[in-house]
Amino acid sequence: MHKTQTANTPAADNIDFVDFLKVDIRIGTVVRAEEFPQARKPAYKLWVDFGDNIGVKKSSAQITDRYSLDDLLNRKVAAVINFPPRQIGPFMSEILVLGFPNENDEIVLFAPDSNVPNGSRLA
């Protein structure tokens, strides 16, 4: 999760719908969350369950200023699941959990407002 975009950031260039379909955004449930003291910036290590077809994937998320570890357990989150894994210190991050910065530049996690099954793809 990167804190680089704000409400004042200009819109990105247009893309084809085919390009959008290449980004695989799914819903999962946080099943494990831990402190990540080795990270350069304050972060948590998350394990997100995307259901039987995809399984549990790991992510490093810079969301410590807004969420406690207890807040995250069993929380539904949206994530990009088809980026290449990225080494973050000693931890391999496999997905990008999605969120938006609020007025204090704290990341607010993006999630559905009703329950949907783990592994559901953004349509």
C-alpha atoms as a PDB file:
ATOM      1  CA  MET A   1       0.000   0.000   0.000  1.00  0.00           C
ATOM      2  CA  HIS A   2       1.570   3.268  -1.102  1.00  0.00           C
ATOM      3  CA  LYS A   3       0.713   6.738   0.214  1.00  0.00           C
ATOM      4  CA  THR A   4       1.321   8.583  -3.048  1.00  0.00           C
ATOM      5  CA  GLN A   5      -2.110   9.620  -4.265  1.00  0.00           C
ATOM      6  CA  THR A   6      -4.369  12.331  -2.832  1.00  0.00           C
ATOM      7  CA  ALA A   7      -7.701  13.866  -3.712  1.00  0.00           C
ATOM      8  CA  ASN A   8      -5.782  16.558  -5.619  1.00  0.00           C
ATOM      9  CA  THR A   9      -3.852  14.117  -7.830  1.00  0.00           C
ATOM     10  CA  PRO A  10      -4.842  14.534 -11.505  1.00  0.00           C
ATOM     11  CA  ALA A  11      -6.655  11.681 -13.216  1.00  0.00           C
ATOM     12  CA  ALA A  12      -4.443   9.071 -14.866  1.00  0.00           C
ATOM     13  CA  ASP A  13      -4.274   8.685 -18.640  1.00  0.00           C
ATOM     14  CA  ASN A  14      -7.108   6.785 -20.320  1.00  0.00           C
ATOM     15  CA  ILE A  15      -6.663   3.038 -20.734  1.00  0.00           C
ATOM     16  CA  ASP A  16      -8.507   0.441 -22.765  1.00  0.00           C
ATOM     17  CA  PHE A  17     -11.091  -1.718 -20.984  1.00  0.00           C
ATOM     18  CA  VAL A  18      -8.954  -4.732 -21.902  1.00  0.00           C
ATOM     19  CA  ASP A  19      -6.118  -3.232 -19.827  1.00  0.00           C
ATOM     20  CA  PHE A  20      -8.457  -2.764 -16.849  1.00  0.00           C
ATOM     21  CA  LEU A  21      -9.526  -6.408 -17.051  1.00  0.00           C
ATOM     22  CA  LYS A  22      -5.893  -7.451 -16.585  1.00  0.00           C
ATOM     23  CA  VAL A  23      -5.993  -6.120 -13.001  1.00  0.00           C
ATOM     24  CA  ASP A  24      -7.487  -8.893 -10.849  1.00  0.00           C
ATOM     25  CA  ILE A  25      -9.147  -7.247  -7.818  1.00  0.00           C
ATOM     26  CA  ARG A  26     -10.722  -9.657  -5.345  1.00  0.00           C
ATOM     27  CA  ILE A  27     -12.366  -9.617  -1.923  1.00  0.00           C
ATOM     28  CA  GLY A  28     -10.835 -11.567   0.926  1.00  0.00           C
ATOM     29  CA  THR A  29     -10.945 -11.807   4.700  1.00  0.00           C
ATOM     30  CA  VAL A  30      -7.981 -10.976   6.930  1.00  0.00           C
ATOM     31  CA  VAL A  31      -7.303 -14.190   8.862  1.00  0.00           C
ATOM     32  CA  ARG A  32      -4.008 -13.178  10.478  1.00  0.00           C
ATOM     33  CA  ALA A  33      -2.298  -9.861  11.224  1.00  0.00           C
ATOM     34  CA  GLU A  34       1.086  -9.207  12.841  1.00  0.00           C
ATOM     35  CA  GLU A  35       3.395  -6.320  13.617  1.00  0.00           C
ATOM     36  CA  PHE A  36       6.150  -5.824  11.023  1.00  0.00           C
ATOM     37  CA  PRO A  37       9.025  -4.177  12.935  1.00  0.00           C
ATOM     38  CA  GLN A  38      11.548  -4.819  10.121  1.00  0.00           C
ATOM     39  CA  ALA A  39       9.638  -2.604   7.665  1.00  0.00           C
ATOM     40  CA  ARG A  40      11.210   0.783   6.850  1.00  0.00           C
ATOM     41  CA  LYS A  41       7.865   2.530   7.400  1.00  0.00           C
ATOM     42  CA  PRO A  42       5.353   1.352  10.042  1.00  0.00           C
ATOM     43  CA  ALA A  43       3.410  -1.585   8.603  1.00  0.00           C
ATOM     44  CA  TYR A  44       1.578  -4.782   9.403  1.00  0.00           C
ATOM     45  CA  LYS A  45       1.911  -8.217   7.857  1.00  0.00           C
ATOM     46  CA  LEU A  46      -1.499  -9.474   6.722  1.00  0.00           C
ATOM     47  CA  TRP A  47      -2.707 -12.894   5.607  1.00  0.00           C
ATOM     48  CA  VAL A  48      -5.890 -12.637   3.517  1.00  0.00           C
ATOM     49  CA  ASP A  49      -8.121 -15.598   2.647  1.00  0.00           C
ATOM     50  CA  PHE A  50      -9.515 -15.427  -0.905  1.00  0.00           C
ATOM     51  CA  GLY A  51     -11.385 -18.753  -0.768  1.00  0.00           C
ATOM     52  CA  ASP A  52     -10.632 -22.259  -1.994  1.00  0.00           C
ATOM     53  CA  ASN A  53      -9.588 -21.374  -5.555  1.00  0.00           C
ATOM     54  CA  ILE A  54      -6.990 -18.748  -4.600  1.00  0.00           C
ATOM     55  CA  GLY A  55      -6.198 -19.509  -0.959  1.00  0.00           C
ATOM     56  CA  VAL A  56      -4.450 -17.319   1.601  1.00  0.00           C
ATOM     57  CA  LYS A  57      -2.093 -14.614   0.307  1.00  0.00           C
ATOM     58  CA  LYS A  58       0.276 -12.319   2.246  1.00  0.00           C
ATOM     59  CA  SER A  59       0.649  -8.555   2.153  1.00  0.00           C
ATOM     60  CA  SER A  60       2.585  -5.797   3.869  1.00  0.00           C
ATOM     61  CA  ALA A  61       0.280  -2.842   4.547  1.00  0.00           C
ATOM     62  CA  GLN A  62       1.151   0.635   5.854  1.00  0.00           C
ATOM     63  CA  ILE A  63      -2.068   1.064   7.820  1.00  0.00           C
ATOM     64  CA  THR A  64      -0.793   1.214  11.416  1.00  0.00           C
ATOM     65  CA  ASP A  65      -1.900   4.815  11.945  1.00  0.00           C
ATOM     66  CA  ARG A  66      -5.575   3.949  11.470  1.00  0.00           C
ATOM     67  CA  TYR A  67      -6.019   0.262  12.353  1.00  0.00           C
ATOM     68  CA  SER A  68      -5.008  -1.940  15.275  1.00  0.00           C
ATOM     69  CA  LEU A  69      -4.242  -5.624  14.764  1.00  0.00           C
ATOM     70  CA  ASP A  70      -7.581  -6.497  16.392  1.00  0.00           C
ATOM     71  CA  ASP A  71      -9.428  -4.165  13.970  1.00  0.00           C
ATOM     72  CA  LEU A  72      -8.068  -6.147  11.037  1.00  0.00           C
ATOM     73  CA  LEU A  73      -8.944  -9.722  11.987  1.00  0.00           C
ATOM     74  CA  ASN A  74     -11.984 -11.019  10.079  1.00  0.00           C
ATOM     75  CA  ARG A  75     -12.227  -7.746   8.118  1.00  0.00           C
ATOM     76  CA  LYS A  76     -13.133  -7.918   4.425  1.00  0.00           C
ATOM     77  CA  VAL A  77     -10.608  -6.166   2.186  1.00  0.00           C
ATOM     78  CA  ALA A  78     -10.113  -5.636  -1.525  1.00  0.00           C
ATOM     79  CA  ALA A  79      -6.750  -6.470  -3.066  1.00  0.00           C
ATOM     80  CA  VAL A  80      -4.962  -6.797  -6.395  1.00  0.00           C
ATOM     81  CA  ILE A  81      -3.941 -10.449  -6.486  1.00  0.00           C
ATOM     82  CA  ASN A  82      -2.048 -10.661  -9.792  1.00  0.00           C
ATOM     83  CA  PHE A  83       0.933  -8.350  -9.259  1.00  0.00           C
ATOM     84  CA  PRO A  84       4.267 -10.162  -9.023  1.00  0.00           C
ATOM     85  CA  PRO A  85       5.335 -10.906  -5.425  1.00  0.00           C
ATOM     86  CA  ARG A  86       7.518  -8.208  -3.884  1.00  0.00           C
ATOM     87  CA  GLN A  87      10.167  -8.661  -1.219  1.00  0.00           C
ATOM     88  CA  ILE A  88       9.626  -6.223   1.677  1.00  0.00           C
ATOM     89  CA  GLY A  89      12.588  -6.761   3.996  1.00  0.00           C
ATOM     90  CA  PRO A  90      12.376 -10.376   5.181  1.00  0.00           C
ATOM     91  CA  PHE A  91       8.712 -10.697   4.087  1.00  0.00           C
ATOM     92  CA  MET A  92       7.359 -11.651   0.639  1.00  0.00           C
ATOM     93  CA  SER A  93       4.258  -9.580  -0.155  1.00  0.00           C
ATOM     94  CA  GLU A  94       2.025 -11.385  -2.668  1.00  0.00           C
ATOM     95  CA  ILE A  95      -0.923  -8.985  -2.997  1.00  0.00           C
ATOM     96  CA  LEU A  96      -1.666  -5.256  -2.826  1.00  0.00           C
ATOM     97  CA  VAL A  97      -4.392  -4.425  -0.303  1.00  0.00           C
ATOM     98  CA  LEU A  98      -6.386  -1.410  -1.526  1.00  0.00           C
ATOM     99  CA  GLY A  99      -7.220   1.767   0.345  1.00  0.00           C
ATOM    100  CA  PHE A 100      -7.632   5.511  -0.021  1.00  0.00           C
ATOM    101  CA  PRO A 101      -5.960   8.319   1.966  1.00  0.00           C
ATOM    102  CA  ASN A 102      -8.258  10.383   4.164  1.00  0.00           C
ATOM    103  CA  GLU A 103      -7.767  14.075   5.011  1.00  0.00           C
ATOM    104  CA  ASN A 104      -5.001  13.085   7.486  1.00  0.00           C
ATOM    105  CA  ASP A 105      -3.201  10.943   4.882  1.00  0.00           C
ATOM    106  CA  GLU A 106      -4.205   7.779   6.769  1.00  0.00           C
ATOM    107  CA  ILE A 107      -5.087   4.858   4.506  1.00  0.00           C
ATOM    108  CA  VAL A 108      -8.743   3.809   4.761  1.00  0.00           C
ATOM    109  CA  LEU A 109      -9.193   0.244   3.570  1.00  0.00           C
ATOM    110  CA  PHE A 110     -11.487  -0.363   0.607  1.00  0.00           C
ATOM    111  CA  ALA A 111     -14.164  -3.028   1.135  1.00  0.00           C
ATOM    112  CA  PRO A 112     -17.709  -3.862   0.006  1.00  0.00           C
ATOM    113  CA  ASP A 113     -20.594  -2.423   2.026  1.00  0.00           C
ATOM    114  CA  SER A 114     -22.335  -5.831   2.070  1.00  0.00           C
ATOM    115  CA  ASN A 115     -20.981  -9.319   2.550  1.00  0.00           C
ATOM    116  CA  VAL A 116     -19.658 -11.004  -0.588  1.00  0.00           C
ATOM    117  CA  PRO A 117     -17.884 -14.376  -0.788  1.00  0.00           C
ATOM    118  CA  ASN A 118     -14.123 -14.520  -0.471  1.00  0.00           C
ATOM    119  CA  GLY A 119     -12.529 -14.607  -3.909  1.00  0.00           C
ATOM    120  CA  SER A 120     -15.247 -12.499  -5.557  1.00  0.00           C
ATOM    121  CA  ARG A 121     -13.769 -10.519  -8.427  1.00  0.00           C
ATOM    122  CA  LEU A 122     -14.492  -6.853  -9.053  1.00  0.00           C
ATOM    123  CA  ALA A 123     -17.048  -6.702 -11.844  1.00  0.00           C
END
